[in-house]
Amino acid sequence: MWQAIQQWFLDPAHQAVVAVALSFASGLILGRATNRKRTERGSYLSEEGGRAFFKGVEHILSNDHDQAIEQFTRAVQLDSDTIETYVALGNLYRSKGDIDRAIRIRQNIILRPNINGRQRNRALFDLGMDYRKGGFLDRAVKTFGELLQKEPSNVAALEEVETIYEDLRDWENAFQTRQRIARLVKGDHAHILAHHKTEEGKAWFGKGEVSKAKSAFKKAISIDSTCVDAYLHLGDLYRAKEDFKKAVATWKQIADVSPAFTFLAYRRLEGAYAGLRDPRPVEEFLRGCAKRNPDAFTHLALGRFLYSRKDVEGAVRELARALELNPSFWEARTLLGGIYLDQGWKAEALDAYRDLIERLDVPSLEFQCSRCGYRPADLQWQCPQCGRWDTIGRTDAVEAGAAAEQPAEPVRALPERAGEAEE
């Protein structure tokens, strides 16, 4: 039995419930410690409130939150001096999605004349969390801002503000907020700052503000020289201006700073072929990548390039190498079959497409977040589930000689979020 109880408390899904229970317990103890000289009537009410509290805890442990709220409400009605009990009750309402009640509880706490500064600041933080969960993001930012005026070094509040700005796509303010966090928390913040600048550049580019976009992308690279997304979109900007030479040169840098993500530049390179007077640098780049990092995607890209240059034999050879590294690589099989048909090699095309059909249900490229395990359909720089930057990596077995799926490889370690355990 005790093992089962211990396992329940260790389950991450129940940590918020444990926090609520502890808040109530601490409130009850503090309330009794500061009111030892009560009348007998007061002591009786306090004991009744204590019993109601523990009944509420029992209901939480049995996942009956409605009954838990009923008992906790009775507890604060009988013993209303401990503000911590109201705080925990507000958290419980928030966890149930009853944001209006949670907000009213926080507002009532803030208006109490007998609370100290620490309690008021905690109520402001909780009110900001309520507003955020309710979708009132402007109010949430304003509330956290009020708290930060009183506690400028409140990292948890800063992280919540940063997340809201990210949700609002307000990348300039997200960048400034992360700068404040970086001054308070040791760790690697450069890659997050670089992503904020990159996203800001994308927004400017979407509005046709090319100069501002270019400045933002270059700023991102200066902050973090390994920011792949910044190189990709800076190259896109050059390509849009038909400066194909600079576009290719920018994308080629990815092979040096982060070889595992070079495959993201290959399709972009294909789009720049026609604009290059001399495509030989592209071929040299792809051959160099195939030599340094012989994965299936590199050989596919080289095969596409060679076929665009009418080198059928070379293209078939590179596609064959891609399939040796990854037999389930349907995109390579599709291109190979298309080449066979174009050349009138019907028997070979039939074999290629027969193999393709047998392997259609096998994905050639998969991604996974190393932080929370989320598997997105395509590569994303920020995990949509846990919100972390640069934790999604490749899980496919396309590396030379690899035959089994490998765990996702994060780009780098991230600083812990100080406010992660607040809810």
Foldseek 3Di string as FASTA:
>chain_A
DVVVVVVLCVPPVCLLVVVLLVLVVVLLVVLCVVPVPDDPQLVVLSVQLVVLQVVLNVCVSVVNLVSSLVSLVSSCVSPVPRLSSLLSSLSSCVVVVVLVVSLVSLVVQLPDPPDDPVSNLVSLQSNLVSCVSVVVLVVSLVSLVVSCVVVVLPQLSLVVNLVSCVVVLVLVVNLVSLVSNCVRDDDDSLQVNLVSLQSVLVVCVVVVNLVSSLVSLVVSCVSPVQNLSSLQVNLVSCVVVLVLVVSVVSLLCNCVNPVQCNLVCLVVNVVSCVSDPDCVVVLVSLVVSCVVWVFLSSLQSNLVVCVVVVNLVSSLVSLVSSCVLPVLALVSLVVNLVSCVVVVVVVVSVVSVVSSVVRVVPDQKWKAFPPPGDTDPDDDQADPPPRDGQRIAIQHRGTPPGDHTDDGDGPDDGDDRPNPSVD
